Amino acid sequence: MTTVRSSFEVRVQEDPFQVSQEYEEFTAGDTADGAIASFIGRVRERNDGETVKALELEHYPGMTEKVMMQVLEQARQRWPISAARVVHRVGKLNPGENIVMVLTASAHRHAALDACAFIMDHLKSKATFWKKEQTAQGARWVKSRESDLDALQRWSGSENSPES
């Protein structure tokens, strides 16, 4: 018997998340999907040529989750994904710690992979998170990157619509 689930979830939390536990919970009971795609973002130890001692993330509670859910809904409208989950941390994080995890599920790999990349590209530019790096030279706010905005452009054309 095939079990299909439909679950779209976002979480913003201070506590670390366990990748294997998130994956197991996300896939539990599902036998219909042949593809699970994932992305895990971590704190880098170097950024813009400087050593990063810590990264502090702030967000706008309520608004951040709303924007994140809107991004998941856009992905669901574009690709035949049955589920998606985003877990994003806030607070003080050290180099090597996980910041964000995106999971998507679909019957086929292309939809799962494309939806996962779409979600991450949109979260990077649209979700209301603010990042401050602690360096040897002091604290500095992380500005949005042109490359992040450029990444959104690849999703704007009709050539990126899912095939029927």
N, C-alpha and C. Protein backbone atom coordinates (compact mmCIF):
# COMPACT_ATOMS: atom_id res chain seq x y z
N MET A 1 0.83 -1.17 0.00
CA MET A 1 0.00 0.00 0.00
C MET A 1 0.89 1.25 0.00
N THR A 2 0.58 2.19 -0.87
CA THR A 2 1.34 3.42 -0.98
C THR A 2 0.80 4.44 0.02
N THR A 3 1.71 5.04 0.74
CA THR A 3 1.34 6.09 1.68
C THR A 3 1.83 7.42 1.13
N VAL A 4 0.92 8.36 0.99
CA VAL A 4 1.27 9.69 0.50
C VAL A 4 1.02 10.69 1.61
N ARG A 5 1.91 11.62 1.77
CA ARG A 5 1.71 12.66 2.76
C ARG A 5 1.80 14.01 2.08
N SER A 6 1.21 14.97 2.70
CA SER A 6 1.30 16.34 2.22
C SER A 6 1.60 17.20 3.43
N SER A 7 2.83 17.66 3.53
CA SER A 7 3.25 18.40 4.70
C SER A 7 4.17 19.54 4.28
N PHE A 8 3.77 20.75 4.63
CA PHE A 8 4.58 21.93 4.34
C PHE A 8 4.76 22.66 5.66
N GLU A 9 6.03 22.76 6.09
CA GLU A 9 6.30 23.23 7.45
C GLU A 9 7.53 24.12 7.47
N VAL A 10 7.46 25.17 8.29
CA VAL A 10 8.62 26.02 8.55
C VAL A 10 8.78 26.16 10.05
N ARG A 11 10.04 26.24 10.48
CA ARG A 11 10.34 26.47 11.89
C ARG A 11 11.52 27.42 12.01
N VAL A 12 11.42 28.34 12.92
CA VAL A 12 12.53 29.22 13.27
C VAL A 12 12.81 28.94 14.74
N GLN A 13 14.08 28.63 15.05
CA GLN A 13 14.40 28.20 16.41
C GLN A 13 15.83 28.56 16.77
N GLU A 14 16.07 28.69 18.07
CA GLU A 14 17.44 28.93 18.56
C GLU A 14 18.21 27.63 18.71
N ASP A 15 17.52 26.58 19.07
CA ASP A 15 18.20 25.30 19.34
C ASP A 15 18.76 24.68 18.07
N PRO A 16 19.90 23.99 18.20
CA PRO A 16 20.44 23.25 17.06
C PRO A 16 19.45 22.17 16.60
N PHE A 17 19.52 21.83 15.33
CA PHE A 17 18.70 20.72 14.82
C PHE A 17 19.62 19.59 14.38
N GLN A 18 19.09 18.39 14.44
CA GLN A 18 19.84 17.20 14.03
C GLN A 18 19.39 16.81 12.62
N VAL A 19 20.30 16.83 11.69
CA VAL A 19 19.98 16.55 10.29
C VAL A 19 19.33 15.19 10.13
N SER A 20 19.89 14.17 10.73
CA SER A 20 19.33 12.82 10.57
C SER A 20 17.93 12.72 11.17
N GLN A 21 17.70 13.36 12.30
CA GLN A 21 16.38 13.34 12.92
C GLN A 21 15.36 14.07 12.05
N GLU A 22 15.73 15.21 11.52
CA GLU A 22 14.83 15.97 10.64
C GLU A 22 14.48 15.13 9.41
N TYR A 23 15.48 14.48 8.82
CA TYR A 23 15.25 13.64 7.64
C TYR A 23 14.31 12.48 7.98
N GLU A 24 14.57 11.80 9.08
CA GLU A 24 13.73 10.65 9.47
C GLU A 24 12.29 11.08 9.71
N GLU A 25 12.09 12.19 10.40
CA GLU A 25 10.73 12.69 10.65
C GLU A 25 10.05 13.10 9.34
N PHE A 26 10.81 13.72 8.46
CA PHE A 26 10.26 14.21 7.18
C PHE A 26 9.80 13.05 6.29
N THR A 27 10.54 11.96 6.31
CA THR A 27 10.22 10.83 5.43
C THR A 27 9.37 9.75 6.08
N ALA A 28 9.12 9.86 7.36
CA ALA A 28 8.39 8.81 8.09
C ALA A 28 7.03 8.53 7.46
N GLY A 29 6.81 7.27 7.17
CA GLY A 29 5.52 6.83 6.65
C GLY A 29 5.29 7.08 5.17
N ASP A 30 6.20 7.77 4.50
CA ASP A 30 6.02 8.08 3.09
C ASP A 30 6.64 6.99 2.22
N THR A 31 5.83 6.41 1.35
CA THR A 31 6.36 5.42 0.41
C THR A 31 6.08 5.82 -1.03
N ALA A 32 5.48 6.98 -1.26
CA ALA A 32 5.14 7.42 -2.61
C ALA A 32 6.26 8.21 -3.28
N ASP A 33 7.01 8.94 -2.49
CA ASP A 33 8.03 9.81 -3.08
C ASP A 33 9.31 9.05 -3.37
N GLY A 34 9.81 9.22 -4.59
CA GLY A 34 11.07 8.59 -4.98
C GLY A 34 12.26 9.50 -4.82
N ALA A 35 12.01 10.76 -4.44
CA ALA A 35 13.11 11.71 -4.33
C ALA A 35 12.94 12.62 -3.12
N ILE A 36 14.00 12.72 -2.36
CA ILE A 36 14.08 13.68 -1.27
C ILE A 36 15.33 14.51 -1.55
N ALA A 37 15.16 15.83 -1.66
CA ALA A 37 16.30 16.71 -1.87
C ALA A 37 16.53 17.51 -0.59
N SER A 38 17.79 17.83 -0.34
CA SER A 38 18.09 18.59 0.87
C SER A 38 19.18 19.60 0.62
N PHE A 39 19.14 20.65 1.43
CA PHE A 39 20.20 21.64 1.47
C PHE A 39 20.43 21.96 2.93
N ILE A 40 21.69 22.02 3.32
CA ILE A 40 22.05 22.38 4.68
C ILE A 40 23.06 23.52 4.59
N GLY A 41 22.72 24.65 5.18
CA GLY A 41 23.62 25.80 5.22
C GLY A 41 24.31 25.87 6.57
N ARG A 42 25.60 26.18 6.55
CA ARG A 42 26.40 26.22 7.77
C ARG A 42 27.11 27.56 7.90
N VAL A 43 27.55 27.89 9.09
CA VAL A 43 28.32 29.10 9.33
C VAL A 43 29.74 28.87 8.82
N ARG A 44 30.19 29.78 7.94
CA ARG A 44 31.56 29.70 7.43
C ARG A 44 32.52 30.32 8.45
N GLU A 45 33.76 29.86 8.42
CA GLU A 45 34.76 30.45 9.32
C GLU A 45 35.41 31.68 8.71
N ARG A 46 35.23 31.89 7.41
CA ARG A 46 35.77 33.08 6.75
C ARG A 46 34.71 33.66 5.84
N ASN A 47 34.63 34.99 5.81
CA ASN A 47 33.72 35.69 4.90
C ASN A 47 34.35 37.03 4.54
N ASP A 48 34.34 37.34 3.28
CA ASP A 48 34.92 38.60 2.80
C ASP A 48 36.34 38.80 3.30
N GLY A 49 37.11 37.72 3.33
CA GLY A 49 38.52 37.81 3.69
C GLY A 49 38.82 37.89 5.18
N GLU A 50 37.80 37.83 6.02
CA GLU A 50 38.03 37.92 7.46
C GLU A 50 37.57 36.64 8.17
N THR A 51 38.21 36.34 9.29
CA THR A 51 37.82 35.20 10.11
C THR A 51 36.55 35.57 10.88
N VAL A 52 35.58 34.68 10.81
CA VAL A 52 34.31 34.88 11.53
C VAL A 52 34.37 34.10 12.84
N LYS A 53 34.22 34.82 13.94
CA LYS A 53 34.21 34.18 15.26
C LYS A 53 32.83 33.63 15.59
N ALA A 54 31.79 34.36 15.17
CA ALA A 54 30.41 33.94 15.41
C ALA A 54 29.50 34.70 14.46
N LEU A 55 28.32 34.17 14.28
CA LEU A 55 27.30 34.79 13.45
C LEU A 55 26.05 34.91 14.31
N GLU A 56 25.49 36.11 14.36
CA GLU A 56 24.26 36.34 15.11
C GLU A 56 23.14 36.58 14.11
N LEU A 57 22.07 35.81 14.23
CA LEU A 57 20.92 35.95 13.34
C LEU A 57 19.72 36.45 14.12
N GLU A 58 19.07 37.45 13.58
CA GLU A 58 17.85 37.99 14.15
C GLU A 58 16.74 37.84 13.11
N HIS A 59 15.50 37.85 13.59
CA HIS A 59 14.38 37.76 12.65
C HIS A 59 13.19 38.54 13.19
N TYR A 60 12.19 38.65 12.36
CA TYR A 60 10.95 39.35 12.71
C TYR A 60 9.93 38.25 12.97
N PRO A 61 9.72 37.84 14.24
CA PRO A 61 8.81 36.74 14.54
C PRO A 61 7.42 36.96 13.94
N GLY A 62 6.87 35.91 13.41
CA GLY A 62 5.56 35.97 12.78
C GLY A 62 5.69 36.33 11.31
N MET A 63 6.34 37.43 11.00
CA MET A 63 6.53 37.83 9.61
C MET A 63 7.49 36.88 8.90
N THR A 64 8.57 36.50 9.57
CA THR A 64 9.55 35.60 8.96
C THR A 64 8.90 34.28 8.56
N GLU A 65 8.15 33.69 9.47
CA GLU A 65 7.49 32.40 9.17
C GLU A 65 6.47 32.56 8.04
N LYS A 66 5.77 33.67 8.03
CA LYS A 66 4.78 33.92 6.97
C LYS A 66 5.46 33.97 5.61
N VAL A 67 6.55 34.70 5.51
CA VAL A 67 7.29 34.79 4.24
C VAL A 67 7.82 33.41 3.84
N MET A 68 8.33 32.67 4.81
CA MET A 68 8.86 31.34 4.51
C MET A 68 7.75 30.43 3.97
N MET A 69 6.57 30.47 4.57
CA MET A 69 5.45 29.65 4.08
C MET A 69 5.02 30.09 2.68
N GLN A 70 5.08 31.37 2.40
CA GLN A 70 4.74 31.85 1.05
C GLN A 70 5.72 31.28 0.02
N VAL A 71 6.98 31.20 0.38
CA VAL A 71 7.98 30.62 -0.53
C VAL A 71 7.68 29.14 -0.77
N LEU A 72 7.33 28.39 0.29
CA LEU A 72 6.98 26.98 0.12
C LEU A 72 5.77 26.83 -0.79
N GLU A 73 4.78 27.69 -0.61
CA GLU A 73 3.58 27.63 -1.44
C GLU A 73 3.91 27.93 -2.90
N GLN A 74 4.80 28.87 -3.15
CA GLN A 74 5.21 29.15 -4.53
C GLN A 74 5.89 27.93 -5.14
N ALA A 75 6.73 27.26 -4.36
CA ALA A 75 7.40 26.05 -4.85
C ALA A 75 6.38 24.96 -5.15
N ARG A 76 5.39 24.82 -4.28
CA ARG A 76 4.35 23.79 -4.48
C ARG A 76 3.55 24.07 -5.74
N GLN A 77 3.33 25.33 -6.06
CA GLN A 77 2.58 25.68 -7.27
C GLN A 77 3.40 25.44 -8.54
N ARG A 78 4.72 25.49 -8.43
CA ARG A 78 5.58 25.34 -9.61
C ARG A 78 5.97 23.89 -9.89
N TRP A 79 6.10 23.07 -8.85
CA TRP A 79 6.57 21.70 -9.01
C TRP A 79 5.64 20.73 -8.28
N PRO A 80 5.58 19.50 -8.74
CA PRO A 80 4.75 18.50 -8.07
C PRO A 80 5.46 17.92 -6.84
N ILE A 81 5.61 18.76 -5.82
CA ILE A 81 6.23 18.29 -4.57
C ILE A 81 5.12 17.98 -3.58
N SER A 82 5.32 16.93 -2.83
CA SER A 82 4.31 16.52 -1.86
C SER A 82 4.58 17.08 -0.47
N ALA A 83 5.82 17.51 -0.24
CA ALA A 83 6.17 18.01 1.08
C ALA A 83 7.41 18.88 0.99
N ALA A 84 7.50 19.80 1.95
CA ALA A 84 8.70 20.63 2.08
C ALA A 84 8.82 21.06 3.53
N ARG A 85 10.04 21.16 3.99
CA ARG A 85 10.30 21.59 5.37
C ARG A 85 11.51 22.51 5.36
N VAL A 86 11.40 23.60 6.12
CA VAL A 86 12.53 24.49 6.34
C VAL A 86 12.70 24.68 7.84
N VAL A 87 13.91 24.45 8.31
CA VAL A 87 14.27 24.72 9.70
C VAL A 87 15.38 25.75 9.64
N HIS A 88 15.16 26.89 10.30
CA HIS A 88 16.15 27.98 10.27
C HIS A 88 16.45 28.41 11.69
N ARG A 89 17.72 28.51 12.00
CA ARG A 89 18.13 28.93 13.34
C ARG A 89 18.31 30.42 13.43
N VAL A 90 18.15 30.93 14.64
CA VAL A 90 18.45 32.31 14.98
C VAL A 90 19.27 32.30 16.26
N GLY A 91 19.80 33.46 16.61
CA GLY A 91 20.64 33.55 17.80
C GLY A 91 22.10 33.52 17.41
N LYS A 92 22.96 33.22 18.37
CA LYS A 92 24.40 33.19 18.14
C LYS A 92 24.84 31.79 17.71
N LEU A 93 25.52 31.73 16.57
CA LEU A 93 26.01 30.47 16.04
C LEU A 93 27.51 30.59 15.77
N ASN A 94 28.20 29.48 15.93
CA ASN A 94 29.64 29.44 15.72
C ASN A 94 29.98 28.79 14.38
N PRO A 95 31.18 29.06 13.84
CA PRO A 95 31.58 28.41 12.59
C PRO A 95 31.40 26.90 12.67
N GLY A 96 30.86 26.35 11.59
CA GLY A 96 30.61 24.91 11.51
C GLY A 96 29.22 24.50 11.95
N GLU A 97 28.50 25.39 12.64
CA GLU A 97 27.15 25.05 13.07
C GLU A 97 26.17 25.20 11.91
N ASN A 98 25.13 24.36 11.92
CA ASN A 98 24.08 24.44 10.91
C ASN A 98 23.21 25.67 11.15
N ILE A 99 22.88 26.37 10.05
CA ILE A 99 21.99 27.52 10.10
C ILE A 99 20.61 27.14 9.60
N VAL A 100 20.56 26.48 8.46
CA VAL A 100 19.29 26.22 7.78
C VAL A 100 19.30 24.84 7.14
N MET A 101 18.12 24.24 7.09
CA MET A 101 17.93 22.98 6.39
C MET A 101 16.65 23.09 5.58
N VAL A 102 16.74 22.72 4.30
CA VAL A 102 15.57 22.68 3.42
C VAL A 102 15.44 21.24 2.93
N LEU A 103 14.24 20.69 3.06
CA LEU A 103 13.94 19.35 2.56
C LEU A 103 12.73 19.45 1.63
N THR A 104 12.80 18.76 0.49
CA THR A 104 11.66 18.69 -0.41
C THR A 104 11.47 17.24 -0.85
N ALA A 105 10.22 16.88 -1.12
CA ALA A 105 9.91 15.51 -1.54
C ALA A 105 9.02 15.54 -2.77
N SER A 106 9.29 14.62 -3.69
CA SER A 106 8.51 14.51 -4.91
C SER A 106 8.66 13.08 -5.45
N ALA A 107 7.82 12.75 -6.39
CA ALA A 107 7.93 11.43 -7.02
C ALA A 107 9.22 11.32 -7.82
N HIS A 108 9.71 12.45 -8.33
CA HIS A 108 10.88 12.44 -9.21
C HIS A 108 11.92 13.47 -8.78
N ARG A 109 13.18 13.18 -9.08
CA ARG A 109 14.31 13.97 -8.58
C ARG A 109 14.33 15.41 -9.08
N HIS A 110 14.00 15.65 -10.35
CA HIS A 110 14.11 17.01 -10.87
C HIS A 110 13.20 17.97 -10.11
N ALA A 111 11.99 17.57 -9.83
CA ALA A 111 11.07 18.44 -9.09
C ALA A 111 11.60 18.69 -7.68
N ALA A 112 12.07 17.65 -7.02
CA ALA A 112 12.59 17.80 -5.65
C ALA A 112 13.82 18.70 -5.62
N LEU A 113 14.75 18.49 -6.55
CA LEU A 113 15.97 19.29 -6.59
C LEU A 113 15.68 20.75 -6.94
N ASP A 114 14.87 20.96 -7.97
CA ASP A 114 14.56 22.33 -8.38
C ASP A 114 13.80 23.08 -7.29
N ALA A 115 12.84 22.42 -6.67
CA ALA A 115 12.07 23.07 -5.61
C ALA A 115 12.97 23.41 -4.43
N CYS A 116 13.89 22.55 -4.09
CA CYS A 116 14.81 22.80 -2.97
C CYS A 116 15.67 24.02 -3.28
N ALA A 117 16.23 24.09 -4.48
CA ALA A 117 17.06 25.24 -4.86
C ALA A 117 16.24 26.53 -4.91
N PHE A 118 15.04 26.45 -5.45
CA PHE A 118 14.14 27.60 -5.51
C PHE A 118 13.84 28.14 -4.11
N ILE A 119 13.52 27.24 -3.20
CA ILE A 119 13.20 27.65 -1.83
C ILE A 119 14.40 28.34 -1.20
N MET A 120 15.58 27.75 -1.31
CA MET A 120 16.75 28.35 -0.68
C MET A 120 17.09 29.69 -1.31
N ASP A 121 17.04 29.79 -2.63
CA ASP A 121 17.33 31.06 -3.30
C ASP A 121 16.37 32.15 -2.85
N HIS A 122 15.11 31.82 -2.69
CA HIS A 122 14.13 32.81 -2.28
C HIS A 122 14.24 33.16 -0.79
N LEU A 123 14.54 32.18 0.05
CA LEU A 123 14.72 32.47 1.47
C LEU A 123 15.90 33.41 1.69
N LYS A 124 16.95 33.18 0.95
CA LYS A 124 18.17 33.98 1.09
C LYS A 124 17.91 35.46 0.82
N SER A 125 16.98 35.75 -0.07
CA SER A 125 16.73 37.14 -0.47
C SER A 125 15.45 37.74 0.10
N LYS A 126 14.47 36.91 0.45
CA LYS A 126 13.16 37.45 0.82
C LYS A 126 12.79 37.29 2.29
N ALA A 127 13.31 36.28 2.94
CA ALA A 127 12.93 36.07 4.35
C ALA A 127 13.56 37.15 5.23
N THR A 128 12.84 37.53 6.26
CA THR A 128 13.28 38.64 7.11
C THR A 128 14.23 38.15 8.21
N PHE A 129 15.47 37.92 7.78
CA PHE A 129 16.56 37.58 8.69
C PHE A 129 17.64 38.64 8.56
N TRP A 130 18.27 38.97 9.69
CA TRP A 130 19.40 39.89 9.67
C TRP A 130 20.57 39.18 10.30
N LYS A 131 21.74 39.32 9.66
CA LYS A 131 22.93 38.61 10.11
C LYS A 131 24.02 39.61 10.50
N LYS A 132 24.63 39.35 11.65
CA LYS A 132 25.75 40.15 12.12
C LYS A 132 26.91 39.21 12.41
N GLU A 133 28.04 39.47 11.77
CA GLU A 133 29.23 38.66 12.00
C GLU A 133 30.09 39.30 13.08
N GLN A 134 30.64 38.45 13.93
CA GLN A 134 31.62 38.88 14.92
C GLN A 134 32.99 38.50 14.37
N THR A 135 33.85 39.49 14.16
CA THR A 135 35.19 39.26 13.64
C THR A 135 36.21 39.87 14.59
N ALA A 136 37.48 39.64 14.33
CA ALA A 136 38.54 40.23 15.16
C ALA A 136 38.49 41.76 15.10
N GLN A 137 37.97 42.28 14.00
CA GLN A 137 37.87 43.74 13.84
C GLN A 137 36.58 44.29 14.44
N GLY A 138 35.74 43.45 14.99
CA GLY A 138 34.48 43.88 15.60
C GLY A 138 33.28 43.31 14.88
N ALA A 139 32.12 43.81 15.24
CA ALA A 139 30.87 43.30 14.65
C ALA A 139 30.56 44.06 13.36
N ARG A 140 29.97 43.34 12.40
CA ARG A 140 29.53 43.97 11.16
C ARG A 140 28.28 43.27 10.65
N TRP A 141 27.34 44.07 10.16
CA TRP A 141 26.13 43.51 9.57
C TRP A 141 26.46 42.96 8.19
N VAL A 142 25.89 41.81 7.87
CA VAL A 142 26.10 41.18 6.57
C VAL A 142 25.09 41.78 5.60
N LYS A 143 25.60 42.35 4.53
CA LYS A 143 24.75 42.96 3.51
C LYS A 143 24.32 41.91 2.50
N SER A 144 23.19 42.17 1.85
CA SER A 144 22.75 41.25 0.81
C SER A 144 23.77 41.29 -0.33
N ARG A 145 23.91 40.15 -0.97
CA ARG A 145 24.89 40.01 -2.04
C ARG A 145 24.20 40.10 -3.40
N GLU A 146 24.89 40.67 -4.32
CA GLU A 146 24.39 40.74 -5.69
C GLU A 146 24.15 39.32 -6.24
N SER A 147 25.02 38.38 -5.87
CA SER A 147 24.88 37.00 -6.35
C SER A 147 23.58 36.35 -5.87
N ASP A 148 23.12 36.74 -4.67
CA ASP A 148 21.85 36.20 -4.17
C ASP A 148 20.69 36.72 -5.00
N LEU A 149 20.74 37.99 -5.34
CA LEU A 149 19.69 38.57 -6.18
C LEU A 149 19.75 37.99 -7.60
N ASP A 150 20.96 37.77 -8.09
CA ASP A 150 21.11 37.15 -9.41
C ASP A 150 20.52 35.74 -9.44
N ALA A 151 20.66 35.02 -8.32
CA ALA A 151 20.13 33.66 -8.25
C ALA A 151 18.62 33.63 -8.44
N LEU A 152 17.94 34.67 -7.99
CA LEU A 152 16.48 34.74 -8.16
C LEU A 152 16.10 34.86 -9.63
N GLN A 153 16.95 35.47 -10.42
CA GLN A 153 16.64 35.69 -11.83
C GLN A 153 16.45 34.38 -12.59
N ARG A 154 17.13 33.35 -12.20
CA ARG A 154 16.99 32.08 -12.93
C ARG A 154 15.61 31.47 -12.78
N TRP A 155 14.85 31.92 -11.78
CA TRP A 155 13.51 31.38 -11.55
C TRP A 155 12.42 32.24 -12.18
N SER A 156 12.78 33.35 -12.78
CA SER A 156 11.77 34.27 -13.29
C SER A 156 11.26 33.91 -14.68
N GLY A 157 12.00 33.12 -15.45
CA GLY A 157 11.59 32.78 -16.81
C GLY A 157 10.68 31.59 -16.87
N SER A 158 9.92 31.50 -17.93
CA SER A 158 8.99 30.39 -18.11
C SER A 158 9.72 29.08 -18.39
N GLU A 159 11.01 29.17 -18.79
CA GLU A 159 11.77 27.94 -19.06
C GLU A 159 12.00 27.13 -17.79
N ASN A 160 11.75 27.73 -16.63
CA ASN A 160 11.93 27.03 -15.36
C ASN A 160 10.64 26.47 -14.81
N SER A 161 9.58 26.53 -15.60
CA SER A 161 8.30 25.95 -15.15
C SER A 161 8.38 24.45 -15.25
N PRO A 162 7.68 23.73 -14.38
CA PRO A 162 7.71 22.28 -14.43
C PRO A 162 7.04 21.76 -15.70
N GLU A 163 7.57 20.65 -16.15
CA GLU A 163 6.97 20.02 -17.33
C GLU A 163 5.75 19.20 -16.92
N SER A 164 4.80 19.11 -17.83
CA SER A 164 3.60 18.33 -17.49
C SER A 164 3.82 16.86 -17.70
